[in-house]
Protein backbone atom coordinates (compact mmCIF):
# COMPACT_ATOMS: atom_id res chain seq x y z
CA MET A 1 -0.16 -0.02 -0.37
CA ASN A 2 2.82 2.29 1.03
CA LYS A 3 4.14 2.18 -2.74
CA ILE A 4 0.83 2.93 -4.32
CA ASN A 5 1.01 5.63 -2.79
CA LYS A 6 4.52 7.06 -3.00
CA LYS A 7 3.27 5.98 -7.08
CA THR A 8 0.37 8.12 -6.55
CA ASN A 9 2.32 11.39 -5.24
CA HIS A 10 5.75 11.02 -7.89
CA PHE A 11 2.39 10.66 -9.59
CA ILE A 12 0.44 14.00 -8.96
CA ASN A 13 3.73 15.39 -8.48
CA ILE A 14 5.01 14.91 -12.17
CA VAL A 15 1.64 16.35 -13.63
CA LEU A 16 1.69 19.48 -11.70
CA LEU A 17 4.56 20.53 -12.83
CA VAL A 18 4.39 19.93 -16.05
CA LEU A 19 0.82 21.58 -16.10
CA ILE A 20 2.74 24.98 -14.17
CA ILE A 21 5.37 24.53 -17.38
CA THR A 22 2.36 24.21 -19.40
CA ALA A 23 0.96 27.08 -18.18
CA SER A 24 4.09 29.63 -17.20
CA THR A 25 4.69 28.60 -20.89
CA TYR A 26 1.09 29.96 -22.62
CA ALA A 27 1.23 33.46 -20.10
CA TRP A 28 4.54 34.26 -20.91
CA MET A 29 3.78 33.86 -24.88
CA LEU A 30 0.94 36.04 -24.38
CA THR A 31 2.58 38.99 -22.57
CA ASN A 32 3.24 41.65 -25.19
CA PRO A 33 6.43 43.06 -24.83
CA SER A 34 6.65 47.23 -23.86
CA THR A 35 6.72 49.09 -26.87
CA GLY A 36 6.25 52.33 -27.07
CA GLU A 37 5.67 55.28 -30.62
CA LEU A 38 8.45 57.50 -31.39
CA VAL A 39 8.54 60.13 -33.77
CA ASP A 40 11.68 61.99 -34.05
CA TYR A 41 12.05 66.20 -34.38
CA GLU A 42 11.42 66.90 -37.82
CA ARG A 43 9.94 70.27 -37.86
CA THR A 44 6.01 68.92 -37.02
CA LEU A 45 6.41 66.88 -34.01
CA ILE A 46 3.58 64.19 -34.49
CA ILE A 47 1.94 61.29 -33.07
CA ASN A 48 -0.65 60.82 -35.73
CA SER A 49 -1.54 57.48 -34.10
CA SER A 50 -1.99 58.78 -30.53
CA SER A 51 -4.31 61.62 -31.94
CA VAL A 52 -1.48 64.09 -29.71
CA SER A 53 -0.15 66.80 -32.58
CA VAL A 54 2.76 69.15 -31.04
CA GLU A 55 4.09 72.33 -32.39
CA PHE A 56 7.44 73.94 -31.84
CA TYR A 57 8.16 77.64 -31.03
CA THR A 58 10.84 79.66 -30.30
CA PHE A 59 10.44 83.01 -28.61
CA LYS A 60 12.51 85.38 -30.09
CA ASP A 61 11.67 89.79 -30.57
CA ASP A 62 9.32 89.76 -27.39
CA GLU A 63 7.20 86.77 -28.45
CA TYR A 64 7.22 83.20 -29.63
CA ILE A 65 7.62 81.91 -33.64
CA LYS A 66 6.42 79.12 -35.11
CA THR A 67 10.21 77.00 -35.04
CA THR A 68 10.96 75.38 -38.50
CA SER A 69 14.54 74.80 -38.15
CA ASP A 70 16.79 72.40 -36.29
CA PRO A 71 18.89 71.29 -34.21
CA ILE A 72 18.15 73.23 -30.71
CA THR A 73 21.75 74.73 -30.01
CA THR A 74 24.00 76.76 -27.47
CA GLU A 75 26.76 78.44 -29.02
CA LEU A 76 25.55 81.50 -28.34
CA LEU A 77 24.20 81.63 -24.39
CA GLY A 78 26.76 82.96 -21.84
CA PRO A 79 26.95 82.45 -17.99
CA GLY A 80 23.29 83.92 -16.63
CA MET A 81 22.26 83.80 -20.22
CA ILE A 82 18.67 81.42 -21.07
CA GLN A 83 16.52 80.67 -24.41
CA LYS A 84 12.47 80.26 -24.18
CA TYR A 85 10.44 77.79 -25.92
CA LEU A 86 6.94 75.97 -25.84
CA PHE A 87 5.90 72.61 -26.92
CA LYS A 88 2.10 73.51 -27.95
CA ILE A 89 0.45 69.99 -27.49
CA THR A 90 -2.68 69.10 -28.89
CA ASN A 91 -4.62 65.96 -27.92
CA ASN A 92 -7.13 65.55 -30.42
CA ASN A 93 -9.07 62.17 -28.95
CA SER A 94 -11.59 61.95 -26.17
CA THR A 95 -9.79 60.23 -24.18
CA PRO A 96 -7.05 61.75 -21.95
CA ALA A 97 -3.51 60.86 -23.37
CA SER A 98 -0.27 60.82 -22.16
CA VAL A 99 3.77 61.83 -23.81
CA ASN A 100 7.58 61.52 -23.05
CA ILE A 101 9.21 64.02 -24.11
CA ILE A 102 12.89 63.05 -24.75
CA LEU A 103 15.93 65.03 -26.35
CA SER A 104 17.93 62.76 -27.67
CA ASP A 105 21.04 63.22 -29.62
CA ILE A 106 22.84 65.86 -27.84
CA THR A 107 26.14 66.87 -28.77
CA GLY A 108 28.21 69.32 -28.12
CA ASN A 109 31.20 70.21 -24.48
CA ILE A 110 28.86 67.82 -22.74
CA ASP A 111 31.40 67.20 -20.19
CA LEU A 112 31.94 70.32 -19.64
CA LEU A 113 28.44 72.39 -19.54
CA LYS A 114 26.46 69.09 -18.01
CA GLU A 115 27.31 70.45 -15.18
CA VAL A 116 26.23 74.46 -15.87
CA PHE A 117 23.78 73.53 -18.41
CA LEU A 118 19.82 74.58 -17.57
CA ILE A 119 16.97 73.00 -18.73
CA GLY A 120 13.31 73.86 -17.38
CA GLU A 121 9.79 74.64 -17.50
CA SER A 122 7.81 77.33 -16.48
CA ASN A 123 3.88 75.64 -16.94
CA PRO A 124 2.36 73.72 -16.02
CA LEU A 125 4.91 72.62 -13.51
CA ILE A 126 8.19 74.13 -12.08
CA ASN A 127 11.69 73.11 -12.52
CA GLU A 128 15.69 73.11 -13.49
CA TYR A 129 17.47 71.04 -14.09
CA LYS A 130 21.51 70.64 -13.97
CA LEU A 131 22.05 68.57 -18.38
CA SER A 132 23.67 65.68 -15.60
CA SER A 133 20.83 65.68 -13.04
CA LYS A 134 18.80 63.58 -15.93
CA LEU A 135 21.81 63.26 -19.43
CA THR A 136 21.81 59.39 -20.10
CA GLN A 137 24.36 57.89 -23.28
CA ASN A 138 23.64 54.54 -25.26
CA PRO A 139 26.05 52.02 -24.39
CA SER A 140 26.27 51.15 -28.39
CA THR A 141 25.51 53.86 -30.07
CA LEU A 142 28.08 55.81 -27.03
CA LYS A 143 24.57 58.73 -28.29
CA TYR A 144 23.86 61.25 -25.09
CA SER A 145 20.04 62.08 -24.29
CA TYR A 146 17.46 63.92 -21.64
CA MET A 147 14.47 63.30 -20.16
CA PHE A 148 12.97 66.09 -19.97
CA HIS A 149 9.56 64.70 -19.66
CA ASP A 150 7.94 61.87 -17.97
CA ASN A 151 4.24 61.47 -18.16
CA LEU A 152 2.57 64.27 -19.26
CA ARG A 153 -1.10 64.29 -19.49
CA VAL A 154 -2.92 66.06 -21.59
CA GLU A 155 -6.44 66.38 -21.46
CA ALA A 156 -9.14 65.76 -23.73
CA ASN A 157 -10.02 67.27 -26.26
CA SER A 158 -7.68 70.26 -25.68
CA SER A 159 -4.62 71.02 -25.45
CA LEU A 160 -0.97 71.60 -23.31
CA ASN A 161 1.50 74.72 -23.85
CA LEU A 162 4.52 73.64 -22.28
CA TYR A 163 6.75 76.64 -21.74
CA TRP A 164 10.63 75.96 -20.86
CA TYR A 165 13.80 77.45 -20.71
CA ILE A 166 17.84 76.49 -21.31
CA GLY A 167 20.21 77.95 -20.14
CA ILE A 168 23.46 78.22 -19.08
CA ASP A 169 24.46 79.16 -14.96
CA LYS A 170 24.49 82.79 -14.25
CA PHE A 171 27.50 81.52 -11.71
CA ALA A 172 29.46 79.02 -14.97
CA SER A 173 33.04 79.74 -15.44
CA ASN A 174 34.74 81.50 -18.01
CA GLU A 175 36.09 77.88 -19.03
CA ILE A 176 32.86 76.91 -21.18
CA LYS A 177 33.23 80.47 -24.05
CA ASP A 178 33.28 78.73 -27.40
CA THR A 179 31.51 76.34 -26.46
CA ASN A 180 28.05 74.70 -27.17
CA ILE A 181 25.72 71.09 -26.63
CA SER A 182 23.35 70.77 -29.96
CA ILE A 183 20.64 68.69 -29.23
CA ASN A 184 19.94 66.92 -32.69
CA LYS A 185 16.22 65.24 -32.23
CA ILE A 186 12.86 65.96 -30.46
CA MET A 187 10.86 62.15 -29.14
CA PHE A 188 7.56 62.43 -27.98
CA VAL A 189 7.49 59.13 -27.18
CA LYS A 190 3.64 57.27 -25.40
CA PRO A 191 4.07 55.80 -22.19
């Protein structure tokens, strides 16, 4: 009788193990990889699939002017100077939308400027960060990027004006003269 119970226990354990492995494999196969929708900065900044469109403006001569050129370059900025920008993000959908904003393919004198180069926003939030605080480098391409905004929410059928700026810390030393940083791409990624 004892041998029959042991054989039954082994059989039940093997069946349970096979069921667990089968269920785990099936569940793993149903899981889709996490992918985002990427749109590079190509003058209009549009994300078609999520019904969110973005217009890019630069502050010049006391007004925001729609910008159609790239990249963003800081070669004329000195200590204490800033350059203002505006993203007009429109959600044409009947449900709220979220977007991550990534400044990417950043080039220039990064090592020299990363502690004095500032990126900030003044509406809807007030934040200012040094470039070094959110700067990442892709190990395979060696390109730098900066997570400007994570999960920015735009209400249904509305627009959001995101006012932001780049600048150089007013306490920066004279070592920064004749240096620059260029932001060659601005990506809007669906989280």
